[in-house]
């Protein structure tokens, strides 16, 4: 059974408060980002949820050395890219959070769930000057801070 809409107990609020990428840089011995895939997804795809336009999809692994800690997917609507987020297309191996939090976003939604195999996941929706983007994160079993 999958539980939804709860807040997991984490060590010192590690994943529930503040700027996650900054925290990862602080605690990891060798924090790095591995880009898994970047591509445009058509608006009619099931991966775009309720979005009625094409979205830029970026999938990455947030790692400490070779240990995969978090699988993350960012979905950015075309209008957001075109108007305020052109730099997102050129992040390379940088976490999106460094760019995102420099924009002073408003988080409009934060949902937590736990998968059937016990992994925690969260979905955050952010708004910047009237444009939105979504970040989905799956905290892998090797992540030590949940």
N, C-alpha and C. Protein backbone atom coordinates (compact mmCIF):
# COMPACT_ATOMS: atom_id res chain seq x y z
N UNK A 1 0.84 -1.18 0.00
CA UNK A 1 0.00 0.00 0.00
C UNK A 1 0.88 1.25 0.00
N UNK A 2 0.53 2.22 -0.80
CA UNK A 2 1.27 3.46 -0.88
C UNK A 2 0.58 4.50 -0.02
N UNK A 3 1.35 5.11 0.87
CA UNK A 3 0.82 6.18 1.72
C UNK A 3 1.09 7.51 1.03
N UNK A 4 0.16 8.45 1.13
CA UNK A 4 0.34 9.75 0.52
C UNK A 4 0.07 10.84 1.53
N UNK A 5 0.61 12.01 1.23
CA UNK A 5 0.34 13.23 1.98
C UNK A 5 0.73 13.12 3.45
N UNK A 6 1.98 12.81 3.70
CA UNK A 6 2.49 12.76 5.05
C UNK A 6 3.89 13.34 5.02
N UNK A 7 4.43 13.60 6.16
CA UNK A 7 5.78 14.12 6.26
C UNK A 7 6.63 13.08 6.97
N UNK A 8 7.66 12.54 6.31
CA UNK A 8 8.46 11.51 6.97
C UNK A 8 9.27 12.09 8.10
N UNK A 9 9.59 11.25 9.04
CA UNK A 9 10.49 11.65 10.11
C UNK A 9 11.90 11.59 9.54
N UNK A 10 12.58 12.72 9.51
CA UNK A 10 13.95 12.71 8.99
C UNK A 10 14.88 13.25 10.05
N UNK A 11 16.13 12.92 9.90
CA UNK A 11 17.13 13.35 10.88
C UNK A 11 17.27 14.87 10.81
N UNK A 12 16.86 15.55 11.87
CA UNK A 12 16.99 17.00 11.98
C UNK A 12 16.30 17.77 10.86
N UNK A 13 15.22 17.24 10.31
CA UNK A 13 14.50 17.94 9.25
C UNK A 13 15.31 18.05 7.96
N UNK A 14 16.25 17.16 7.75
CA UNK A 14 17.18 17.26 6.62
C UNK A 14 16.46 17.44 5.29
N UNK A 15 15.43 16.65 5.04
CA UNK A 15 14.75 16.70 3.74
C UNK A 15 13.45 17.48 3.78
N UNK A 16 13.09 17.99 4.92
CA UNK A 16 11.79 18.64 5.03
C UNK A 16 11.88 20.15 5.14
N UNK A 17 13.07 20.68 5.38
CA UNK A 17 13.23 22.12 5.56
C UNK A 17 14.44 22.60 4.76
N UNK A 18 14.28 23.75 4.13
CA UNK A 18 15.43 24.41 3.52
C UNK A 18 15.82 23.90 2.15
N UNK A 19 17.04 24.17 1.79
CA UNK A 19 17.61 24.03 0.47
C UNK A 19 18.39 22.71 0.39
N UNK A 20 17.78 21.66 -0.18
CA UNK A 20 18.38 20.33 -0.19
C UNK A 20 19.75 20.28 -0.88
N UNK A 21 19.94 20.86 -2.08
CA UNK A 21 21.27 20.75 -2.70
C UNK A 21 22.38 21.34 -1.84
N UNK A 22 22.12 22.46 -1.19
CA UNK A 22 23.14 23.05 -0.32
C UNK A 22 23.48 22.10 0.82
N UNK A 23 22.46 21.47 1.40
CA UNK A 23 22.70 20.52 2.48
C UNK A 23 23.52 19.32 1.98
N UNK A 24 23.22 18.86 0.77
CA UNK A 24 23.96 17.72 0.22
C UNK A 24 25.43 18.07 0.03
N UNK A 25 25.71 19.27 -0.49
CA UNK A 25 27.10 19.71 -0.62
C UNK A 25 27.80 19.73 0.73
N UNK A 26 27.07 20.14 1.76
CA UNK A 26 27.66 20.25 3.10
C UNK A 26 28.00 18.89 3.72
N UNK A 27 27.19 17.86 3.47
CA UNK A 27 27.39 16.58 4.16
C UNK A 27 28.10 15.52 3.32
N UNK A 28 28.06 15.65 2.01
CA UNK A 28 28.66 14.62 1.16
C UNK A 28 30.17 14.79 1.10
N UNK A 29 30.87 13.68 1.03
CA UNK A 29 32.31 13.71 0.84
C UNK A 29 32.65 14.18 -0.56
N UNK A 30 31.86 13.71 -1.54
CA UNK A 30 32.11 14.04 -2.94
C UNK A 30 30.76 14.17 -3.67
N UNK A 31 30.00 15.22 -3.34
CA UNK A 31 28.68 15.40 -3.96
C UNK A 31 28.84 15.64 -5.45
N UNK A 32 28.02 14.94 -6.24
CA UNK A 32 28.04 15.15 -7.68
C UNK A 32 26.69 14.79 -8.27
N UNK A 33 26.48 15.26 -9.49
CA UNK A 33 25.23 15.05 -10.21
C UNK A 33 25.55 14.30 -11.50
N UNK A 34 24.84 13.20 -11.71
CA UNK A 34 24.96 12.45 -12.96
C UNK A 34 23.68 12.65 -13.75
N UNK A 35 23.80 13.26 -14.92
CA UNK A 35 22.63 13.46 -15.77
C UNK A 35 22.29 12.12 -16.42
N UNK A 36 21.06 11.66 -16.21
CA UNK A 36 20.59 10.40 -16.78
C UNK A 36 19.98 10.67 -18.15
N UNK A 37 19.14 11.70 -18.22
CA UNK A 37 18.44 12.00 -19.47
C UNK A 37 17.89 13.42 -19.44
N UNK A 38 17.95 14.08 -20.59
CA UNK A 38 17.31 15.38 -20.77
C UNK A 38 16.61 15.36 -22.12
N UNK A 39 15.34 15.79 -22.14
CA UNK A 39 14.61 15.78 -23.41
C UNK A 39 13.31 16.54 -23.27
N UNK A 40 12.75 16.92 -24.40
CA UNK A 40 11.42 17.50 -24.44
C UNK A 40 10.39 16.38 -24.46
N UNK A 41 9.31 16.56 -23.71
CA UNK A 41 8.20 15.60 -23.69
C UNK A 41 6.97 16.32 -24.22
N UNK A 42 6.28 15.67 -25.14
CA UNK A 42 5.08 16.27 -25.74
C UNK A 42 3.98 16.44 -24.70
N UNK A 43 3.18 17.46 -24.87
CA UNK A 43 2.13 17.78 -23.89
C UNK A 43 1.12 16.67 -23.70
N UNK A 44 0.97 15.79 -24.64
CA UNK A 44 -0.02 14.71 -24.53
C UNK A 44 0.52 13.48 -23.81
N UNK A 45 1.78 13.51 -23.40
CA UNK A 45 2.38 12.37 -22.71
C UNK A 45 1.84 12.24 -21.29
N UNK A 46 1.75 11.00 -20.80
CA UNK A 46 1.30 10.78 -19.41
C UNK A 46 2.29 11.35 -18.40
N UNK A 47 3.54 11.55 -18.79
CA UNK A 47 4.55 12.08 -17.87
C UNK A 47 4.39 13.57 -17.59
N UNK A 48 3.60 14.26 -18.38
CA UNK A 48 3.46 15.71 -18.19
C UNK A 48 2.33 16.04 -17.23
N UNK A 49 1.72 15.09 -16.63
CA UNK A 49 0.61 15.24 -15.67
C UNK A 49 -0.43 16.19 -16.22
N UNK A 50 -0.72 17.25 -15.51
CA UNK A 50 -1.81 18.14 -15.91
C UNK A 50 -1.35 19.28 -16.82
N UNK A 51 -0.12 19.27 -17.24
CA UNK A 51 0.41 20.37 -18.05
C UNK A 51 -0.16 20.31 -19.46
N UNK A 52 -0.55 21.47 -19.97
CA UNK A 52 -1.14 21.49 -21.31
C UNK A 52 -0.17 22.05 -22.35
N UNK A 53 1.12 21.88 -22.12
CA UNK A 53 2.14 22.28 -23.08
C UNK A 53 3.33 21.33 -22.96
N UNK A 54 4.22 21.36 -23.95
CA UNK A 54 5.42 20.54 -23.89
C UNK A 54 6.23 20.90 -22.65
N UNK A 55 6.95 19.92 -22.11
CA UNK A 55 7.81 20.18 -20.95
C UNK A 55 9.22 19.67 -21.21
N UNK A 56 10.19 20.36 -20.60
CA UNK A 56 11.57 19.90 -20.59
C UNK A 56 11.70 18.96 -19.40
N UNK A 57 12.17 17.75 -19.66
CA UNK A 57 12.35 16.74 -18.61
C UNK A 57 13.85 16.53 -18.41
N UNK A 58 14.25 16.63 -17.17
CA UNK A 58 15.65 16.40 -16.81
C UNK A 58 15.68 15.38 -15.68
N UNK A 59 16.36 14.26 -15.90
CA UNK A 59 16.47 13.22 -14.89
C UNK A 59 17.93 13.10 -14.48
N UNK A 60 18.16 13.11 -13.17
CA UNK A 60 19.52 13.05 -12.65
C UNK A 60 19.60 12.13 -11.44
N UNK A 61 20.81 11.71 -11.14
CA UNK A 61 21.13 11.04 -9.89
C UNK A 61 21.97 12.00 -9.07
N UNK A 62 21.55 12.26 -7.85
CA UNK A 62 22.35 13.04 -6.91
C UNK A 62 23.14 12.03 -6.09
N UNK A 63 24.46 12.22 -6.06
CA UNK A 63 25.34 11.16 -5.55
C UNK A 63 26.37 11.70 -4.56
N UNK A 64 26.86 10.81 -3.74
CA UNK A 64 28.06 11.05 -2.95
C UNK A 64 29.10 10.07 -3.47
N UNK A 65 30.05 10.57 -4.22
CA UNK A 65 31.00 9.68 -4.89
C UNK A 65 30.27 8.80 -5.87
N UNK A 66 30.36 7.49 -5.67
CA UNK A 66 29.67 6.53 -6.53
C UNK A 66 28.34 6.06 -5.95
N UNK A 67 27.99 6.53 -4.75
CA UNK A 67 26.73 6.11 -4.11
C UNK A 67 25.58 6.97 -4.62
N UNK A 68 24.60 6.30 -5.23
CA UNK A 68 23.40 6.99 -5.68
C UNK A 68 22.52 7.29 -4.47
N UNK A 69 22.24 8.55 -4.23
CA UNK A 69 21.43 8.94 -3.08
C UNK A 69 19.99 9.26 -3.47
N UNK A 70 19.82 10.05 -4.53
CA UNK A 70 18.48 10.53 -4.90
C UNK A 70 18.35 10.50 -6.41
N UNK A 71 17.24 9.94 -6.89
CA UNK A 71 16.89 10.06 -8.30
C UNK A 71 15.91 11.22 -8.40
N UNK A 72 16.20 12.19 -9.25
CA UNK A 72 15.35 13.38 -9.35
C UNK A 72 14.95 13.63 -10.80
N UNK A 73 13.71 14.05 -10.95
CA UNK A 73 13.20 14.44 -12.26
C UNK A 73 12.63 15.85 -12.14
N UNK A 74 13.04 16.71 -13.06
CA UNK A 74 12.52 18.07 -13.12
C UNK A 74 11.68 18.19 -14.39
N UNK A 75 10.50 18.76 -14.27
CA UNK A 75 9.62 19.00 -15.41
C UNK A 75 9.37 20.51 -15.50
N UNK A 76 9.79 21.10 -16.62
CA UNK A 76 9.68 22.54 -16.79
C UNK A 76 8.87 22.83 -18.05
N UNK A 77 7.69 23.44 -17.92
CA UNK A 77 6.89 23.77 -19.09
C UNK A 77 7.64 24.69 -20.06
N UNK A 78 7.33 24.55 -21.33
CA UNK A 78 7.98 25.36 -22.37
C UNK A 78 7.89 26.86 -22.06
N UNK A 79 6.73 27.32 -21.60
CA UNK A 79 6.57 28.75 -21.33
C UNK A 79 7.51 29.21 -20.21
N UNK A 80 7.76 28.35 -19.23
CA UNK A 80 8.70 28.69 -18.16
C UNK A 80 10.12 28.80 -18.72
N UNK A 81 10.51 27.83 -19.55
CA UNK A 81 11.83 27.87 -20.19
C UNK A 81 11.98 29.16 -21.00
N UNK A 82 11.00 29.43 -21.85
CA UNK A 82 11.11 30.57 -22.77
C UNK A 82 11.12 31.91 -22.06
N UNK A 83 10.45 32.02 -20.91
CA UNK A 83 10.31 33.32 -20.26
C UNK A 83 11.29 33.58 -19.11
N UNK A 84 11.65 32.55 -18.34
CA UNK A 84 12.50 32.81 -17.18
C UNK A 84 13.58 31.77 -16.92
N UNK A 85 13.56 30.66 -17.64
CA UNK A 85 14.43 29.55 -17.24
C UNK A 85 15.28 28.99 -18.38
N UNK A 86 15.72 29.85 -19.29
CA UNK A 86 16.55 29.37 -20.39
C UNK A 86 17.81 28.66 -19.89
N UNK A 87 18.35 29.11 -18.76
CA UNK A 87 19.58 28.52 -18.20
C UNK A 87 19.41 27.07 -17.78
N UNK A 88 18.19 26.65 -17.53
CA UNK A 88 17.93 25.27 -17.11
C UNK A 88 18.38 24.28 -18.19
N UNK A 89 18.31 24.69 -19.44
CA UNK A 89 18.72 23.80 -20.53
C UNK A 89 20.23 23.56 -20.55
N UNK A 90 20.98 24.36 -19.81
CA UNK A 90 22.44 24.28 -19.84
C UNK A 90 23.04 24.00 -18.46
N UNK A 91 22.31 23.35 -17.58
CA UNK A 91 22.81 23.09 -16.23
C UNK A 91 23.97 22.10 -16.20
N UNK A 92 24.01 21.19 -17.16
CA UNK A 92 25.06 20.18 -17.14
C UNK A 92 24.98 19.37 -15.87
N UNK A 93 26.10 19.24 -15.17
CA UNK A 93 26.13 18.41 -13.96
C UNK A 93 25.90 19.22 -12.68
N UNK A 94 25.21 20.34 -12.79
CA UNK A 94 24.84 21.14 -11.61
C UNK A 94 23.42 20.78 -11.19
N UNK A 95 23.15 20.73 -9.89
CA UNK A 95 21.77 20.46 -9.45
C UNK A 95 20.88 21.67 -9.75
N UNK A 96 19.65 21.40 -10.13
CA UNK A 96 18.74 22.49 -10.46
C UNK A 96 18.46 23.39 -9.26
N UNK A 97 18.57 22.84 -8.06
CA UNK A 97 18.29 23.63 -6.87
C UNK A 97 19.14 24.87 -6.72
N UNK A 98 20.39 24.82 -7.19
CA UNK A 98 21.25 26.01 -7.10
C UNK A 98 20.67 27.15 -7.93
N UNK A 99 20.20 26.83 -9.13
CA UNK A 99 19.55 27.85 -9.96
C UNK A 99 18.21 28.24 -9.35
N UNK A 100 17.41 27.23 -9.00
CA UNK A 100 16.05 27.48 -8.53
C UNK A 100 16.02 28.41 -7.32
N UNK A 101 16.80 28.10 -6.30
CA UNK A 101 16.71 28.90 -5.08
C UNK A 101 17.31 30.29 -5.23
N UNK A 102 18.15 30.50 -6.26
CA UNK A 102 18.64 31.85 -6.54
C UNK A 102 17.54 32.72 -7.15
N UNK A 103 16.45 32.09 -7.60
CA UNK A 103 15.32 32.81 -8.20
C UNK A 103 14.26 33.19 -7.17
N UNK A 104 14.46 32.83 -5.91
CA UNK A 104 13.48 33.09 -4.83
C UNK A 104 12.09 32.57 -5.18
N UNK A 105 11.97 31.27 -5.40
CA UNK A 105 10.68 30.69 -5.79
C UNK A 105 9.72 30.61 -4.61
N UNK A 106 8.46 30.44 -4.96
CA UNK A 106 7.44 30.10 -3.97
C UNK A 106 7.09 28.64 -4.18
N UNK A 107 7.20 27.84 -3.13
CA UNK A 107 6.78 26.44 -3.25
C UNK A 107 5.28 26.41 -3.05
N UNK A 108 4.55 26.00 -4.07
CA UNK A 108 3.09 25.99 -4.01
C UNK A 108 2.53 24.64 -3.62
N UNK A 109 3.38 23.61 -3.69
CA UNK A 109 2.91 22.26 -3.34
C UNK A 109 4.10 21.43 -2.91
N UNK A 110 3.91 20.63 -1.87
CA UNK A 110 4.90 19.64 -1.46
C UNK A 110 4.14 18.41 -0.99
N UNK A 111 4.35 17.30 -1.69
CA UNK A 111 3.67 16.05 -1.37
C UNK A 111 4.72 14.96 -1.14
N UNK A 112 4.54 14.19 -0.10
CA UNK A 112 5.39 13.05 0.20
C UNK A 112 4.59 11.77 0.00
N UNK A 113 5.30 10.72 -0.37
CA UNK A 113 4.70 9.40 -0.47
C UNK A 113 5.76 8.37 -0.09
N UNK A 114 5.30 7.18 0.20
CA UNK A 114 6.22 6.07 0.45
C UNK A 114 5.84 4.94 -0.49
N UNK A 115 6.83 4.43 -1.22
CA UNK A 115 6.56 3.37 -2.18
C UNK A 115 6.31 2.05 -1.46
N UNK A 116 5.84 1.08 -2.20
CA UNK A 116 5.57 -0.23 -1.62
C UNK A 116 6.82 -0.89 -1.06
N UNK A 117 7.99 -0.55 -1.62
CA UNK A 117 9.23 -1.14 -1.09
C UNK A 117 9.90 -0.25 -0.05
N UNK A 118 9.16 0.75 0.45
CA UNK A 118 9.63 1.54 1.59
C UNK A 118 10.43 2.79 1.28
N UNK A 119 10.64 3.09 0.01
CA UNK A 119 11.39 4.30 -0.33
C UNK A 119 10.49 5.52 -0.23
N UNK A 120 11.07 6.63 0.20
CA UNK A 120 10.33 7.88 0.27
C UNK A 120 10.51 8.67 -1.02
N UNK A 121 9.46 9.36 -1.40
CA UNK A 121 9.51 10.22 -2.59
C UNK A 121 8.75 11.50 -2.27
N UNK A 122 9.15 12.56 -2.95
CA UNK A 122 8.40 13.80 -2.78
C UNK A 122 8.28 14.51 -4.12
N UNK A 123 7.25 15.33 -4.19
CA UNK A 123 6.96 16.12 -5.38
C UNK A 123 6.75 17.55 -4.94
N UNK A 124 7.54 18.45 -5.49
CA UNK A 124 7.40 19.86 -5.17
C UNK A 124 7.07 20.65 -6.42
N UNK A 125 6.14 21.58 -6.30
CA UNK A 125 5.81 22.49 -7.39
C UNK A 125 6.23 23.88 -6.94
N UNK A 126 6.95 24.57 -7.81
CA UNK A 126 7.49 25.89 -7.50
C UNK A 126 6.99 26.91 -8.51
N UNK A 127 6.85 28.14 -8.06
CA UNK A 127 6.44 29.22 -8.95
C UNK A 127 7.45 30.35 -8.84
N UNK A 128 7.82 30.86 -10.02
CA UNK A 128 8.73 31.99 -10.11
C UNK A 128 8.10 33.01 -11.05
N UNK A 129 7.77 34.16 -10.54
CA UNK A 129 7.19 35.25 -11.34
C UNK A 129 6.03 34.76 -12.23
N UNK A 130 5.20 33.91 -11.68
CA UNK A 130 4.02 33.44 -12.40
C UNK A 130 4.24 32.21 -13.27
N UNK A 131 5.45 31.68 -13.31
CA UNK A 131 5.75 30.49 -14.10
C UNK A 131 6.10 29.34 -13.16
N UNK A 132 5.71 28.13 -13.54
CA UNK A 132 5.88 27.00 -12.62
C UNK A 132 6.87 25.97 -13.15
N UNK A 133 7.31 25.11 -12.24
CA UNK A 133 8.07 23.92 -12.58
C UNK A 133 7.86 22.91 -11.46
N UNK A 134 8.14 21.66 -11.77
CA UNK A 134 7.91 20.57 -10.82
C UNK A 134 9.19 19.76 -10.65
N UNK A 135 9.48 19.39 -9.40
CA UNK A 135 10.63 18.53 -9.11
C UNK A 135 10.13 17.32 -8.34
N UNK A 136 10.47 16.14 -8.85
CA UNK A 136 10.12 14.87 -8.21
C UNK A 136 11.42 14.21 -7.75
N UNK A 137 11.43 13.73 -6.52
CA UNK A 137 12.64 13.12 -5.97
C UNK A 137 12.30 11.78 -5.32
N UNK A 138 13.12 10.78 -5.61
CA UNK A 138 13.01 9.47 -5.00
C UNK A 138 14.28 9.27 -4.18
N UNK A 139 14.11 9.13 -2.85
CA UNK A 139 15.24 8.96 -1.95
C UNK A 139 15.60 7.47 -1.90
N UNK A 140 16.73 7.14 -2.46
CA UNK A 140 17.14 5.75 -2.61
C UNK A 140 17.58 5.16 -1.27
N UNK A 141 17.60 3.83 -1.20
CA UNK A 141 17.89 3.18 0.09
C UNK A 141 19.29 3.49 0.61
N UNK A 142 20.20 3.95 -0.25
CA UNK A 142 21.55 4.30 0.19
C UNK A 142 21.62 5.72 0.76
N UNK A 143 20.53 6.48 0.70
CA UNK A 143 20.52 7.85 1.24
C UNK A 143 20.43 7.79 2.76
N UNK A 144 21.43 8.33 3.48
CA UNK A 144 21.49 8.11 4.93
C UNK A 144 20.73 9.11 5.79
N UNK A 145 19.99 10.05 5.20
CA UNK A 145 19.42 11.13 6.01
C UNK A 145 17.91 11.08 6.15
N UNK A 146 17.30 9.94 5.96
CA UNK A 146 15.86 9.76 6.22
C UNK A 146 15.68 8.70 7.27
